[in-house]
Amino acid sequence: MTNVIATSTDGRFRVRLVPDECATNPREDFDHRAHVITIDTHLGHYAPIDKDGGPLAGAWDRVSWNRRRGIDIFTRWAGIFHNAIVIESRPKRGPVSLWYLLREDAEDLGMLPEAYLDAERAEYEAWAEGDVYGYVVEEAVDWLRADVDEAMTTWEEVDSCWGHYGYDWAASAARAALRTHTSKSMLAA
């Protein structure tokens, strides 16, 4: 299936998005500062997000028996005694979890700690839902047969990049790549 999301004004370049079927779990392969405690795997239907839950997992084990107030108790305790920021994640499909960032891990983020936590959570959930893409920039190539007066146009790949978590980010990166190739072709002309 061809999912062309943009074409150059002259029609010579296009970019399409393709689902990335070999995307890597961002919690296992990339640097991350957030820790995740998986609260509920829905009777084992989902795998835990992080295997160990980070340095505050033991505290969660002590309050997790209280399903009604455990999350509130843990969040207050982590904030008071460890200066941690905690967000709760309850996706429609997937494990219920607590994402937290210790204050020392939040230094030099360049953004609010809550925004950083939310970005790591969104990246993981995009991977878990299969919302990961690659883009392919293609250039139109004209073919002329020498023996017959026939011509045809095909598309040849000139650039690609994979591992964009979330459709919006992938589409933005794809459009930027198309602009780059379009400007290169104008400079060469």
Protein backbone atom coordinates (compact mmCIF):
# COMPACT_ATOMS: atom_id res chain seq x y z
CA MET A 1 0.00 0.00 0.00
CA THR A 2 1.31 3.45 -0.90
CA ASN A 3 0.63 6.05 1.77
CA VAL A 4 1.90 9.18 0.04
CA ILE A 5 1.59 12.07 2.48
CA ALA A 6 3.20 14.86 0.43
CA THR A 7 4.45 15.59 -3.08
CA SER A 8 6.76 18.38 -4.25
CA THR A 9 5.18 21.27 -6.16
CA ASP A 10 6.78 20.11 -9.42
CA GLY A 11 5.61 16.51 -8.85
CA ARG A 12 9.13 15.09 -9.12
CA PHE A 13 9.50 14.07 -5.45
CA ARG A 14 7.12 12.43 -3.03
CA VAL A 15 7.30 11.02 0.48
CA ARG A 16 5.32 8.15 1.90
CA LEU A 17 4.93 6.63 5.35
CA VAL A 18 5.34 2.91 5.90
CA PRO A 19 4.61 1.04 9.16
CA ASP A 20 7.87 0.03 10.85
CA GLU A 21 7.42 -3.66 11.53
CA CYS A 22 10.85 -4.04 13.14
CA ALA A 23 10.61 -1.18 15.61
CA THR A 24 12.58 -1.55 18.82
CA ASN A 25 10.96 -1.31 22.25
CA PRO A 26 12.17 2.12 23.40
CA ARG A 27 12.34 0.94 27.01
CA GLU A 28 14.93 -1.70 26.11
CA ASP A 29 17.12 -0.12 23.50
CA PHE A 30 17.35 3.63 24.14
CA ASP A 31 18.56 5.83 26.95
CA HIS A 32 15.73 6.80 29.24
CA ARG A 33 15.55 8.40 32.64
CA ALA A 34 12.03 7.46 33.68
CA HIS A 35 11.30 4.41 35.82
CA VAL A 36 8.09 2.44 35.40
CA ILE A 37 6.17 0.29 37.86
CA THR A 38 3.62 -1.92 36.14
CA ILE A 39 0.56 -2.05 38.37
CA ASP A 40 -1.82 -4.28 36.43
CA THR A 41 -1.05 -6.53 33.45
CA HIS A 42 -4.72 -7.52 33.11
CA LEU A 43 -4.13 -11.07 34.38
CA GLY A 44 -0.89 -11.44 32.43
CA HIS A 45 -2.35 -10.36 29.10
CA TYR A 46 0.33 -7.63 28.87
CA ALA A 47 4.01 -7.79 29.75
CA PRO A 48 5.42 -5.49 32.44
CA ILE A 49 6.84 -2.30 30.93
CA ASP A 50 10.07 -2.38 32.95
CA LYS A 51 11.26 -5.59 34.50
CA ASP A 52 12.48 -4.16 37.83
CA GLY A 53 10.34 -1.04 38.38
CA GLY A 54 13.30 1.10 39.39
CA PRO A 55 14.56 2.15 42.80
CA LEU A 56 11.09 2.80 44.30
CA ALA A 57 9.56 -0.55 43.32
CA GLY A 58 9.95 -1.89 46.85
CA ALA A 59 7.85 0.97 48.22
CA TRP A 60 5.13 0.18 45.70
CA ASP A 61 5.16 -3.45 46.84
CA ARG A 62 4.42 -2.27 50.39
CA VAL A 63 1.35 -0.17 49.43
CA SER A 64 0.04 -2.04 46.38
CA TRP A 65 -2.29 -4.19 48.48
CA ASN A 66 -4.51 -1.09 48.92
CA ARG A 67 -6.04 -0.91 45.42
CA ARG A 68 -8.27 2.01 46.31
CA ARG A 69 -5.63 4.35 47.77
CA GLY A 70 -2.29 2.73 46.94
CA ILE A 71 -1.54 4.97 43.97
CA ASP A 72 -2.24 8.14 45.95
CA ILE A 73 -0.16 6.93 48.89
CA PHE A 74 2.76 5.98 46.67
CA THR A 75 2.62 9.25 44.71
CA ARG A 76 2.62 11.37 47.88
CA TRP A 77 5.35 9.26 49.52
CA ALA A 78 7.59 9.40 46.41
CA GLY A 79 7.15 13.16 46.16
CA ILE A 80 7.79 13.87 49.86
CA PHE A 81 10.66 11.49 50.59
CA HIS A 82 12.35 11.23 47.19
CA ASN A 83 11.29 14.47 45.50
CA ALA A 84 9.99 12.31 42.65
CA ILE A 85 7.43 13.21 40.04
CA VAL A 86 4.88 10.47 39.31
CA ILE A 87 2.28 10.14 36.55
CA GLU A 88 -0.25 7.36 36.15
CA SER A 89 -0.96 5.70 32.80
CA ARG A 90 -4.22 3.89 32.08
CA PRO A 91 -4.28 3.20 28.32
CA LYS A 92 -7.34 1.65 26.68
CA ARG A 93 -5.20 -1.35 25.76
CA GLY A 94 -2.10 -2.09 27.75
CA PRO A 95 -0.87 -2.37 31.32
CA VAL A 96 -1.73 0.16 34.00
CA SER A 97 1.48 1.75 35.21
CA LEU A 98 3.17 4.46 37.26
CA TRP A 99 5.92 6.43 35.50
CA TYR A 100 8.25 8.33 37.79
CA LEU A 101 11.31 10.48 37.63
CA LEU A 102 13.60 11.10 40.56
CA ARG A 103 14.63 14.72 41.01
CA GLU A 104 18.32 13.98 40.34
CA ASP A 105 17.31 12.35 37.05
CA ALA A 106 15.26 15.43 36.12
CA GLU A 107 18.20 17.84 36.08
CA ASP A 108 19.19 19.28 32.70
CA LEU A 109 16.18 17.88 30.85
CA GLY A 110 15.48 21.09 28.99
CA MET A 111 11.76 20.67 29.68
CA LEU A 112 9.38 20.20 32.57
CA PRO A 113 9.80 16.80 34.24
CA GLU A 114 6.10 16.05 33.77
CA ALA A 115 6.42 16.73 30.03
CA TYR A 116 9.46 14.44 29.85
CA LEU A 117 7.58 11.65 31.62
CA ASP A 118 4.62 12.10 29.33
CA ALA A 119 6.89 12.00 26.25
CA GLU A 120 8.53 8.73 27.37
CA ARG A 121 5.11 7.25 28.13
CA ALA A 122 3.72 8.34 24.74
CA GLU A 123 6.75 6.88 22.95
CA TYR A 124 6.33 3.52 24.68
CA GLU A 125 2.57 3.42 24.07
CA ALA A 126 3.12 4.26 20.37
CA TRP A 127 5.49 1.28 20.13
CA ALA A 128 3.10 -1.01 22.03
CA GLU A 129 0.22 -0.08 19.71
CA GLY A 130 2.30 -0.46 16.53
CA ASP A 131 2.21 3.28 15.85
CA VAL A 132 5.81 3.40 14.53
CA TYR A 133 6.70 4.44 10.99
CA GLY A 134 9.44 4.95 8.50
CA TYR A 135 9.39 7.40 5.66
CA VAL A 136 10.61 6.89 2.11
CA VAL A 137 11.45 9.85 -0.13
CA GLU A 138 11.15 8.96 -3.81
CA GLU A 139 12.11 10.76 -7.00
CA ALA A 140 10.29 10.37 -10.31
CA VAL A 141 12.53 8.83 -12.96
CA ASP A 142 11.59 9.03 -16.65
CA TRP A 143 12.45 6.13 -18.93
CA LEU A 144 12.57 6.35 -22.71
CA ARG A 145 12.84 3.28 -24.93
CA ALA A 146 15.34 3.78 -27.71
CA ASP A 147 13.75 1.36 -30.20
CA VAL A 148 10.12 2.43 -29.71
CA ASP A 149 8.58 5.80 -29.09
CA GLU A 150 7.48 4.94 -25.53
CA ALA A 151 8.13 6.54 -22.17
CA MET A 152 7.25 5.70 -18.60
CA THR A 153 7.84 7.14 -15.16
CA THR A 154 8.75 5.13 -12.08
CA TRP A 155 9.65 6.09 -8.53
CA GLU A 156 13.11 5.45 -7.08
CA GLU A 157 13.99 5.69 -3.41
CA VAL A 158 16.45 8.48 -2.63
CA ASP A 159 16.17 8.55 1.17
CA SER A 160 14.51 6.74 4.04
CA CYS A 161 14.52 6.78 7.81
CA TRP A 162 12.83 4.39 10.24
CA GLY A 163 11.85 4.33 13.89
CA HIS A 164 9.55 7.35 14.21
CA TYR A 165 7.26 6.75 17.19
CA GLY A 166 3.81 8.25 16.59
CA TYR A 167 2.17 9.24 13.30
CA ASP A 168 2.40 13.00 13.83
CA TRP A 169 6.14 12.93 14.48
CA ALA A 170 6.72 10.58 11.53
CA ALA A 171 4.69 12.79 9.18
CA SER A 172 6.56 15.90 10.33
CA ALA A 173 9.96 14.25 9.80
CA ALA A 174 8.85 12.95 6.40
CA ARG A 175 7.74 16.39 5.22
CA ALA A 176 11.03 17.90 6.44
CA ALA A 177 12.98 15.26 4.46
CA LEU A 178 10.91 16.04 1.36
CA ARG A 179 11.68 19.77 1.74
CA THR A 180 15.40 18.93 2.05
CA HIS A 181 15.40 16.88 -1.16
CA THR A 182 13.31 19.42 -3.01
CA SER A 183 15.69 22.24 -2.06
CA LYS A 184 18.72 20.10 -3.05
CA SER A 185 17.25 19.49 -6.50
CA MET A 186 16.56 23.21 -6.95
CA LEU A 187 20.16 24.08 -6.02
CA ALA A 188 21.48 21.52 -8.50
CA ALA A 189 19.33 22.91 -11.33
